[in-house]
mmCIF file of all heavy atoms, coordinates in Angstrom:
data_MODEL
# 
_entry.id   MODEL 
# 
loop_
_atom_site.group_PDB 
_atom_site.id 
_atom_site.type_symbol 
_atom_site.label_atom_id 
_atom_site.label_alt_id 
_atom_site.label_comp_id 
_atom_site.label_asym_id 
_atom_site.label_entity_id 
_atom_site.label_seq_id 
_atom_site.pdbx_PDB_ins_code 
_atom_site.Cartn_x 
_atom_site.Cartn_y 
_atom_site.Cartn_z 
_atom_site.occupancy 
_atom_site.B_iso_or_equiv 
_atom_site.pdbx_formal_charge 
_atom_site.auth_seq_id 
_atom_site.auth_comp_id 
_atom_site.auth_asym_id 
_atom_site.auth_atom_id 
_atom_site.pdbx_PDB_model_num 
ATOM 1   N N   . GLY A 1 1  ? -28.666 42.817 -10.004 1.00 0.00 ? 1  GLY A N   1 
ATOM 2   C CA  . GLY A 1 1  ? -28.434 43.144 -11.406 1.00 0.00 ? 1  GLY A CA  1 
ATOM 3   C C   . GLY A 1 1  ? -28.201 44.625 -11.678 1.00 0.00 ? 1  GLY A C   1 
ATOM 4   O O   . GLY A 1 1  ? -28.295 45.054 -12.825 1.00 0.00 ? 1  GLY A O   1 
ATOM 5   N N   . LEU A 1 2  ? -27.858 45.403 -10.653 1.00 0.00 ? 2  LEU A N   1 
ATOM 6   C CA  . LEU A 1 2  ? -27.667 46.840 -10.828 1.00 0.00 ? 2  LEU A CA  1 
ATOM 7   C C   . LEU A 1 2  ? -26.200 47.251 -10.893 1.00 0.00 ? 2  LEU A C   1 
ATOM 8   O O   . LEU A 1 2  ? -25.852 48.213 -11.564 1.00 0.00 ? 2  LEU A O   1 
ATOM 9   C CB  . LEU A 1 2  ? -28.333 47.620 -9.681  1.00 0.00 ? 2  LEU A CB  1 
ATOM 10  C CG  . LEU A 1 2  ? -29.834 47.447 -9.521  1.00 0.00 ? 2  LEU A CG  1 
ATOM 11  C CD1 . LEU A 1 2  ? -30.320 48.194 -8.289  1.00 0.00 ? 2  LEU A CD1 1 
ATOM 12  C CD2 . LEU A 1 2  ? -30.556 47.924 -10.762 1.00 0.00 ? 2  LEU A CD2 1 
ATOM 13  N N   . HIS A 1 3  ? -25.338 46.533 -10.181 1.00 0.00 ? 3  HIS A N   1 
ATOM 14  C CA  . HIS A 1 3  ? -23.924 46.931 -10.073 1.00 0.00 ? 3  HIS A CA  1 
ATOM 15  C C   . HIS A 1 3  ? -23.147 46.435 -11.280 1.00 0.00 ? 3  HIS A C   1 
ATOM 16  O O   . HIS A 1 3  ? -23.141 45.245 -11.581 1.00 0.00 ? 3  HIS A O   1 
ATOM 17  C CB  . HIS A 1 3  ? -23.322 46.367 -8.784  1.00 0.00 ? 3  HIS A CB  1 
ATOM 18  C CG  . HIS A 1 3  ? -21.976 46.902 -8.463  1.00 0.00 ? 3  HIS A CG  1 
ATOM 19  N ND1 . HIS A 1 3  ? -20.822 46.193 -8.710  1.00 0.00 ? 3  HIS A ND1 1 
ATOM 20  C CD2 . HIS A 1 3  ? -21.582 48.077 -7.929  1.00 0.00 ? 3  HIS A CD2 1 
ATOM 21  C CE1 . HIS A 1 3  ? -19.788 46.908 -8.317  1.00 0.00 ? 3  HIS A CE1 1 
ATOM 22  N NE2 . HIS A 1 3  ? -20.220 48.058 -7.845  1.00 0.00 ? 3  HIS A NE2 1 
ATOM 23  N N   . VAL A 1 4  ? -22.505 47.330 -11.991 1.00 0.00 ? 4  VAL A N   1 
ATOM 24  C CA  . VAL A 1 4  ? -21.695 46.971 -13.151 1.00 0.00 ? 4  VAL A CA  1 
ATOM 25  C C   . VAL A 1 4  ? -20.242 46.830 -12.730 1.00 0.00 ? 4  VAL A C   1 
ATOM 26  O O   . VAL A 1 4  ? -19.609 45.812 -12.963 1.00 0.00 ? 4  VAL A O   1 
ATOM 27  C CB  . VAL A 1 4  ? -21.846 48.013 -14.283 1.00 0.00 ? 4  VAL A CB  1 
ATOM 28  C CG1 . VAL A 1 4  ? -20.913 47.702 -15.439 1.00 0.00 ? 4  VAL A CG1 1 
ATOM 29  C CG2 . VAL A 1 4  ? -23.295 48.080 -14.750 1.00 0.00 ? 4  VAL A CG2 1 
ATOM 30  N N   . THR A 1 5  ? -19.695 47.880 -12.102 1.00 0.00 ? 5  THR A N   1 
ATOM 31  C CA  . THR A 1 5  ? -18.320 47.860 -11.623 1.00 0.00 ? 5  THR A CA  1 
ATOM 32  C C   . THR A 1 5  ? -18.116 49.021 -10.650 1.00 0.00 ? 5  THR A C   1 
ATOM 33  O O   . THR A 1 5  ? -18.970 49.885 -10.515 1.00 0.00 ? 5  THR A O   1 
ATOM 34  C CB  . THR A 1 5  ? -17.294 47.939 -12.782 1.00 0.00 ? 5  THR A CB  1 
ATOM 35  O OG1 . THR A 1 5  ? -15.993 47.654 -12.291 1.00 0.00 ? 5  THR A OG1 1 
ATOM 36  C CG2 . THR A 1 5  ? -17.299 49.297 -13.450 1.00 0.00 ? 5  THR A CG2 1 
ATOM 37  N N   . GLY A 1 6  ? -16.984 49.028 -10.014 1.00 0.00 ? 6  GLY A N   1 
ATOM 38  C CA  . GLY A 1 6  ? -16.646 50.118 -9.108  1.00 0.00 ? 6  GLY A CA  1 
ATOM 39  C C   . GLY A 1 6  ? -15.189 50.006 -8.723  1.00 0.00 ? 6  GLY A C   1 
ATOM 40  O O   . GLY A 1 6  ? -14.559 48.972 -8.936  1.00 0.00 ? 6  GLY A O   1 
ATOM 41  N N   . MET A 1 7  ? -14.678 51.087 -8.170  1.00 0.00 ? 7  MET A N   1 
ATOM 42  C CA  . MET A 1 7  ? -13.288 51.069 -7.749  1.00 0.00 ? 7  MET A CA  1 
ATOM 43  C C   . MET A 1 7  ? -12.995 52.258 -6.858  1.00 0.00 ? 7  MET A C   1 
ATOM 44  O O   . MET A 1 7  ? -13.642 53.286 -6.951  1.00 0.00 ? 7  MET A O   1 
ATOM 45  C CB  . MET A 1 7  ? -12.358 51.089 -8.959  1.00 0.00 ? 7  MET A CB  1 
ATOM 46  C CG  . MET A 1 7  ? -12.446 52.370 -9.777  1.00 0.00 ? 7  MET A CG  1 
ATOM 47  S SD  . MET A 1 7  ? -11.689 52.238 -11.398 1.00 0.00 ? 7  MET A SD  1 
ATOM 48  C CE  . MET A 1 7  ? -12.869 51.204 -12.230 1.00 0.00 ? 7  MET A CE  1 
ATOM 49  N N   . GLY A 1 8  ? -12.013 52.059 -5.992  1.00 0.00 ? 8  GLY A N   1 
ATOM 50  C CA  . GLY A 1 8  ? -11.500 53.156 -5.197  1.00 0.00 ? 8  GLY A CA  1 
ATOM 51  C C   . GLY A 1 8  ? -10.367 53.829 -5.958  1.00 0.00 ? 8  GLY A C   1 
ATOM 52  O O   . GLY A 1 8  ? -9.824  53.271 -6.908  1.00 0.00 ? 8  GLY A O   1 
ATOM 53  N N   . LEU A 1 9  ? -10.053 55.029 -5.539  1.00 0.00 ? 9  LEU A N   1 
ATOM 54  C CA  . LEU A 1 9  ? -8.976  55.773 -6.178  1.00 0.00 ? 9  LEU A CA  1 
ATOM 55  C C   . LEU A 1 9  ? -7.867  56.060 -5.172  1.00 0.00 ? 9  LEU A C   1 
ATOM 56  O O   . LEU A 1 9  ? -8.127  56.207 -3.981  1.00 0.00 ? 9  LEU A O   1 
ATOM 57  C CB  . LEU A 1 9  ? -9.505  57.101 -6.723  1.00 0.00 ? 9  LEU A CB  1 
ATOM 58  C CG  . LEU A 1 9  ? -10.635 57.004 -7.741  1.00 0.00 ? 9  LEU A CG  1 
ATOM 59  C CD1 . LEU A 1 9  ? -11.156 58.395 -8.070  1.00 0.00 ? 9  LEU A CD1 1 
ATOM 60  C CD2 . LEU A 1 9  ? -10.168 56.291 -8.995  1.00 0.00 ? 9  LEU A CD2 1 
ATOM 61  N N   . HIS A 1 10 ? -6.645  56.148 -5.664  1.00 0.00 ? 10 HIS A N   1 
ATOM 62  C CA  . HIS A 1 10 ? -5.531  56.557 -4.816  1.00 0.00 ? 10 HIS A CA  1 
ATOM 63  C C   . HIS A 1 10 ? -5.753  58.005 -4.402  1.00 0.00 ? 10 HIS A C   1 
ATOM 64  O O   . HIS A 1 10 ? -6.465  58.752 -5.075  1.00 0.00 ? 10 HIS A O   1 
ATOM 65  C CB  . HIS A 1 10 ? -4.202  56.411 -5.560  1.00 0.00 ? 10 HIS A CB  1 
ATOM 66  C CG  . HIS A 1 10 ? -3.764  54.998 -5.721  1.00 0.00 ? 10 HIS A CG  1 
ATOM 67  N ND1 . HIS A 1 10 ? -3.106  54.311 -4.733  1.00 0.00 ? 10 HIS A ND1 1 
ATOM 68  C CD2 . HIS A 1 10 ? -3.914  54.129 -6.757  1.00 0.00 ? 10 HIS A CD2 1 
ATOM 69  C CE1 . HIS A 1 10 ? -2.857  53.084 -5.146  1.00 0.00 ? 10 HIS A CE1 1 
ATOM 70  N NE2 . HIS A 1 10 ? -3.343  52.944 -6.372  1.00 0.00 ? 10 HIS A NE2 1 
ATOM 71  N N   . PRO A 1 11 ? -5.119  58.458 -3.325  1.00 0.00 ? 11 PRO A N   1 
ATOM 72  C CA  . PRO A 1 11 ? -5.310  59.835 -2.860  1.00 0.00 ? 11 PRO A CA  1 
ATOM 73  C C   . PRO A 1 11 ? -4.764  60.857 -3.854  1.00 0.00 ? 11 PRO A C   1 
ATOM 74  O O   . PRO A 1 11 ? -3.965  60.533 -4.735  1.00 0.00 ? 11 PRO A O   1 
ATOM 75  C CB  . PRO A 1 11 ? -4.539  59.879 -1.536  1.00 0.00 ? 11 PRO A CB  1 
ATOM 76  C CG  . PRO A 1 11 ? -3.604  58.738 -1.576  1.00 0.00 ? 11 PRO A CG  1 
ATOM 77  C CD  . PRO A 1 11 ? -4.198  57.697 -2.468  1.00 0.00 ? 11 PRO A CD  1 
ATOM 78  N N   . PRO A 1 12 ? -5.207  62.120 -3.714  1.00 0.00 ? 12 PRO A N   1 
ATOM 79  C CA  . PRO A 1 12 ? -4.811  63.141 -4.673  1.00 0.00 ? 12 PRO A CA  1 
ATOM 80  C C   . PRO A 1 12 ? -3.303  63.396 -4.730  1.00 0.00 ? 12 PRO A C   1 
ATOM 81  O O   . PRO A 1 12 ? -2.810  63.925 -5.719  1.00 0.00 ? 12 PRO A O   1 
ATOM 82  C CB  . PRO A 1 12 ? -5.532  64.406 -4.204  1.00 0.00 ? 12 PRO A CB  1 
ATOM 83  C CG  . PRO A 1 12 ? -6.208  64.085 -2.950  1.00 0.00 ? 12 PRO A CG  1 
ATOM 84  C CD  . PRO A 1 12 ? -6.107  62.620 -2.707  1.00 0.00 ? 12 PRO A CD  1 
ATOM 85  N N   . GLU A 1 13 ? -2.570  62.999 -3.698  1.00 0.00 ? 13 GLU A N   1 
ATOM 86  C CA  . GLU A 1 13 ? -1.121  63.173 -3.726  1.00 0.00 ? 13 GLU A CA  1 
ATOM 87  C C   . GLU A 1 13 ? -0.479  62.430 -4.886  1.00 0.00 ? 13 GLU A C   1 
ATOM 88  O O   . GLU A 1 13 ? 0.604   62.780 -5.340  1.00 0.00 ? 13 GLU A O   1 
ATOM 89  C CB  . GLU A 1 13 ? -0.480  62.691 -2.412  1.00 0.00 ? 13 GLU A CB  1 
ATOM 90  C CG  . GLU A 1 13 ? -0.825  63.552 -1.219  1.00 0.00 ? 13 GLU A CG  1 
ATOM 91  C CD  . GLU A 1 13 ? -2.184  63.219 -0.601  1.00 0.00 ? 13 GLU A CD  1 
ATOM 92  O OE1 . GLU A 1 13 ? -2.794  62.183 -0.961  1.00 0.00 ? 13 GLU A OE1 1 
ATOM 93  O OE2 . GLU A 1 13 ? -2.644  64.014 0.215   1.00 0.00 ? 13 GLU A OE2 1 
ATOM 94  N N   . SER A 1 14 ? -1.149  61.381 -5.377  1.00 0.00 ? 14 SER A N   1 
ATOM 95  C CA  . SER A 1 14 ? -0.592  60.589 -6.469  1.00 0.00 ? 14 SER A CA  1 
ATOM 96  C C   . SER A 1 14 ? -1.123  61.023 -7.836  1.00 0.00 ? 14 SER A C   1 
ATOM 97  O O   . SER A 1 14 ? -0.755  60.451 -8.851  1.00 0.00 ? 14 SER A O   1 
ATOM 98  C CB  . SER A 1 14 ? -0.923  59.108 -6.246  1.00 0.00 ? 14 SER A CB  1 
ATOM 99  O OG  . SER A 1 14 ? -2.315  58.896 -6.349  1.00 0.00 ? 14 SER A OG  1 
ATOM 100 N N   . ALA A 1 15 ? -1.968  62.064 -7.864  1.00 0.00 ? 15 ALA A N   1 
ATOM 101 C CA  . ALA A 1 15 ? -2.614  62.487 -9.109  1.00 0.00 ? 15 ALA A CA  1 
ATOM 102 C C   . ALA A 1 15 ? -1.775  63.487 -9.895  1.00 0.00 ? 15 ALA A C   1 
ATOM 103 O O   . ALA A 1 15 ? -0.922  64.174 -9.349  1.00 0.00 ? 15 ALA A O   1 
ATOM 104 C CB  . ALA A 1 15 ? -3.973  63.108 -8.793  1.00 0.00 ? 15 ALA A CB  1 
ATOM 105 N N   . THR A 1 16 ? -2.045  63.549 -11.174 1.00 0.00 ? 16 THR A N   1 
ATOM 106 C CA  . THR A 1 16 ? -1.491  64.562 -12.061 1.00 0.00 ? 16 THR A CA  1 
ATOM 107 C C   . THR A 1 16 ? -2.630  65.080 -12.919 1.00 0.00 ? 16 THR A C   1 
ATOM 108 O O   . THR A 1 16 ? -3.400  64.302 -13.473 1.00 0.00 ? 16 THR A O   1 
ATOM 109 C CB  . THR A 1 16 ? -0.404  63.973 -12.988 1.00 0.00 ? 16 THR A CB  1 
ATOM 110 O OG1 . THR A 1 16 ? 0.657   63.468 -12.176 1.00 0.00 ? 16 THR A OG1 1 
ATOM 111 C CG2 . THR A 1 16 ? 0.135   65.007 -13.953 1.00 0.00 ? 16 THR A CG2 1 
ATOM 112 N N   . THR A 1 17 ? -2.776  66.401 -13.003 1.00 0.00 ? 17 THR A N   1 
ATOM 113 C CA  . THR A 1 17 ? -3.752  66.972 -13.929 1.00 0.00 ? 17 THR A CA  1 
ATOM 114 C C   . THR A 1 17 ? -3.031  67.350 -15.216 1.00 0.00 ? 17 THR A C   1 
ATOM 115 O O   . THR A 1 17 ? -1.859  67.732 -15.203 1.00 0.00 ? 17 THR A O   1 
ATOM 116 C CB  . THR A 1 17 ? -4.462  68.224 -13.365 1.00 0.00 ? 17 THR A CB  1 
ATOM 117 O OG1 . THR A 1 17 ? -3.492  69.224 -13.112 1.00 0.00 ? 17 THR A OG1 1 
ATOM 118 C CG2 . THR A 1 17 ? -5.214  67.903 -12.107 1.00 0.00 ? 17 THR A CG2 1 
ATOM 119 N N   . VAL A 1 18 ? -3.749  67.211 -16.321 1.00 0.00 ? 18 VAL A N   1 
ATOM 120 C CA  . VAL A 1 18 ? -3.198  67.522 -17.637 1.00 0.00 ? 18 VAL A CA  1 
ATOM 121 C C   . VAL A 1 18 ? -4.115  68.542 -18.299 1.00 0.00 ? 18 VAL A C   1 
ATOM 122 O O   . VAL A 1 18 ? -5.320  68.321 -18.412 1.00 0.00 ? 18 VAL A O   1 
ATOM 123 C CB  . VAL A 1 18 ? -3.104  66.257 -18.517 1.00 0.00 ? 18 VAL A CB  1 
ATOM 124 C CG1 . VAL A 1 18 ? -2.549  66.598 -19.899 1.00 0.00 ? 18 VAL A CG1 1 
ATOM 125 C CG2 . VAL A 1 18 ? -2.256  65.185 -17.841 1.00 0.00 ? 18 VAL A CG2 1 
ATOM 126 N N   . ARG A 1 19 ? -3.524  69.646 -18.721 1.00 0.00 ? 19 ARG A N   1 
ATOM 127 C CA  . ARG A 1 19 ? -4.237  70.663 -19.486 1.00 0.00 ? 19 ARG A CA  1 
ATOM 128 C C   . ARG A 1 19 ? -3.381  70.978 -20.706 1.00 0.00 ? 19 ARG A C   1 
ATOM 129 O O   . ARG A 1 19 ? -2.167  71.099 -20.589 1.00 0.00 ? 19 ARG A O   1 
ATOM 130 C CB  . ARG A 1 19 ? -4.429  71.935 -18.667 1.00 0.00 ? 19 ARG A CB  1 
ATOM 131 C CG  . ARG A 1 19 ? -5.346  71.784 -17.488 1.00 0.00 ? 19 ARG A CG  1 
ATOM 132 C CD  . ARG A 1 19 ? -5.386  73.111 -16.683 1.00 0.00 ? 19 ARG A CD  1 
ATOM 133 N NE  . ARG A 1 19 ? -6.261  73.008 -15.549 1.00 0.00 ? 19 ARG A NE  1 
ATOM 134 C CZ  . ARG A 1 19 ? -5.906  72.588 -14.326 1.00 0.00 ? 19 ARG A CZ  1 
ATOM 135 N NH1 . ARG A 1 19 ? -4.667  72.202 -14.105 1.00 0.00 ? 19 ARG A NH1 1 
ATOM 136 N NH2 . ARG A 1 19 ? -6.779  72.532 -13.350 1.00 0.00 ? 19 ARG A NH2 1 
ATOM 137 N N   . VAL A 1 20 ? -4.009  71.129 -21.845 1.00 0.00 ? 20 VAL A N   1 
ATOM 138 C CA  . VAL A 1 20 ? -3.282  71.544 -23.046 1.00 0.00 ? 20 VAL A CA  1 
ATOM 139 C C   . VAL A 1 20 ? -3.803  72.919 -23.435 1.00 0.00 ? 20 VAL A C   1 
ATOM 140 O O   . VAL A 1 20 ? -4.993  73.089 -23.695 1.00 0.00 ? 20 VAL A O   1 
ATOM 141 C CB  . VAL A 1 20 ? -3.456  70.528 -24.195 1.00 0.00 ? 20 VAL A CB  1 
ATOM 142 C CG1 . VAL A 1 20 ? -2.744  71.021 -25.450 1.00 0.00 ? 20 VAL A CG1 1 
ATOM 143 C CG2 . VAL A 1 20 ? -2.931  69.162 -23.783 1.00 0.00 ? 20 VAL A CG2 1 
ATOM 144 N N   . ARG A 1 21 ? -2.907  73.898 -23.439 1.00 0.00 ? 21 ARG A N   1 
ATOM 145 C CA  . ARG A 1 21 ? -3.254  75.271 -23.787 1.00 0.00 ? 21 ARG A CA  1 
ATOM 146 C C   . ARG A 1 21 ? -2.267  75.751 -24.837 1.00 0.00 ? 21 ARG A C   1 
ATOM 147 O O   . ARG A 1 21 ? -1.051  75.669 -24.629 1.00 0.00 ? 21 ARG A O   1 
ATOM 148 C CB  . ARG A 1 21 ? -3.205  76.203 -22.561 1.00 0.00 ? 21 ARG A CB  1 
ATOM 149 C CG  . ARG A 1 21 ? -4.103  75.795 -21.413 1.00 0.00 ? 21 ARG A CG  1 
ATOM 150 C CD  . ARG A 1 21 ? -5.586  75.908 -21.811 1.00 0.00 ? 21 ARG A CD  1 
ATOM 151 N NE  . ARG A 1 21 ? -6.468  75.664 -20.680 1.00 0.00 ? 21 ARG A NE  1 
ATOM 152 C CZ  . ARG A 1 21 ? -6.995  74.482 -20.375 1.00 0.00 ? 21 ARG A CZ  1 
ATOM 153 N NH1 . ARG A 1 21 ? -6.689  73.417 -21.081 1.00 0.00 ? 21 ARG A NH1 1 
ATOM 154 N NH2 . ARG A 1 21 ? -7.820  74.366 -19.353 1.00 0.00 ? 21 ARG A NH2 1 
ATOM 155 N N   . GLY A 1 22 ? -2.790  76.219 -25.941 1.00 0.00 ? 22 GLY A N   1 
ATOM 156 C CA  . GLY A 1 22 ? -1.922  76.696 -27.010 1.00 0.00 ? 22 GLY A CA  1 
ATOM 157 C C   . GLY A 1 22 ? -0.971  75.631 -27.515 1.00 0.00 ? 22 GLY A C   1 
ATOM 158 O O   . GLY A 1 22 ? 0.151   75.919 -27.891 1.00 0.00 ? 22 GLY A O   1 
ATOM 159 N N   . GLY A 1 23 ? -1.414  74.372 -27.491 1.00 0.00 ? 23 GLY A N   1 
ATOM 160 C CA  . GLY A 1 23 ? -0.585  73.270 -27.954 1.00 0.00 ? 23 GLY A CA  1 
ATOM 161 C C   . GLY A 1 23 ? 0.459   72.802 -26.961 1.00 0.00 ? 23 GLY A C   1 
ATOM 162 O O   . GLY A 1 23 ? 1.208   71.879 -27.233 1.00 0.00 ? 23 GLY A O   1 
ATOM 163 N N   . GLU A 1 24 ? 0.525   73.431 -25.787 1.00 0.00 ? 24 GLU A N   1 
ATOM 164 C CA  . GLU A 1 24 ? 1.512   73.060 -24.769 1.00 0.00 ? 24 GLU A CA  1 
ATOM 165 C C   . GLU A 1 24 ? 0.817   72.338 -23.619 1.00 0.00 ? 24 GLU A C   1 
ATOM 166 O O   . GLU A 1 24 ? -0.196  72.807 -23.095 1.00 0.00 ? 24 GLU A O   1 
ATOM 167 C CB  . GLU A 1 24 ? 2.215   74.303 -24.232 1.00 0.00 ? 24 GLU A CB  1 
ATOM 168 C CG  . GLU A 1 24 ? 3.293   73.985 -23.215 1.00 0.00 ? 24 GLU A CG  1 
ATOM 169 C CD  . GLU A 1 24 ? 3.980   75.238 -22.694 1.00 0.00 ? 24 GLU A CD  1 
ATOM 170 O OE1 . GLU A 1 24 ? 3.881   76.300 -23.334 1.00 0.00 ? 24 GLU A OE1 1 
ATOM 171 O OE2 . GLU A 1 24 ? 4.610   75.151 -21.634 1.00 0.00 ? 24 GLU A OE2 1 
# 
């Protein structure tokens, strides 16, 4: 009764970071 969910992630090569600075 402890595990709710889990998942693996694709490698960082497939990632995109998003930052918004000054509205851009």
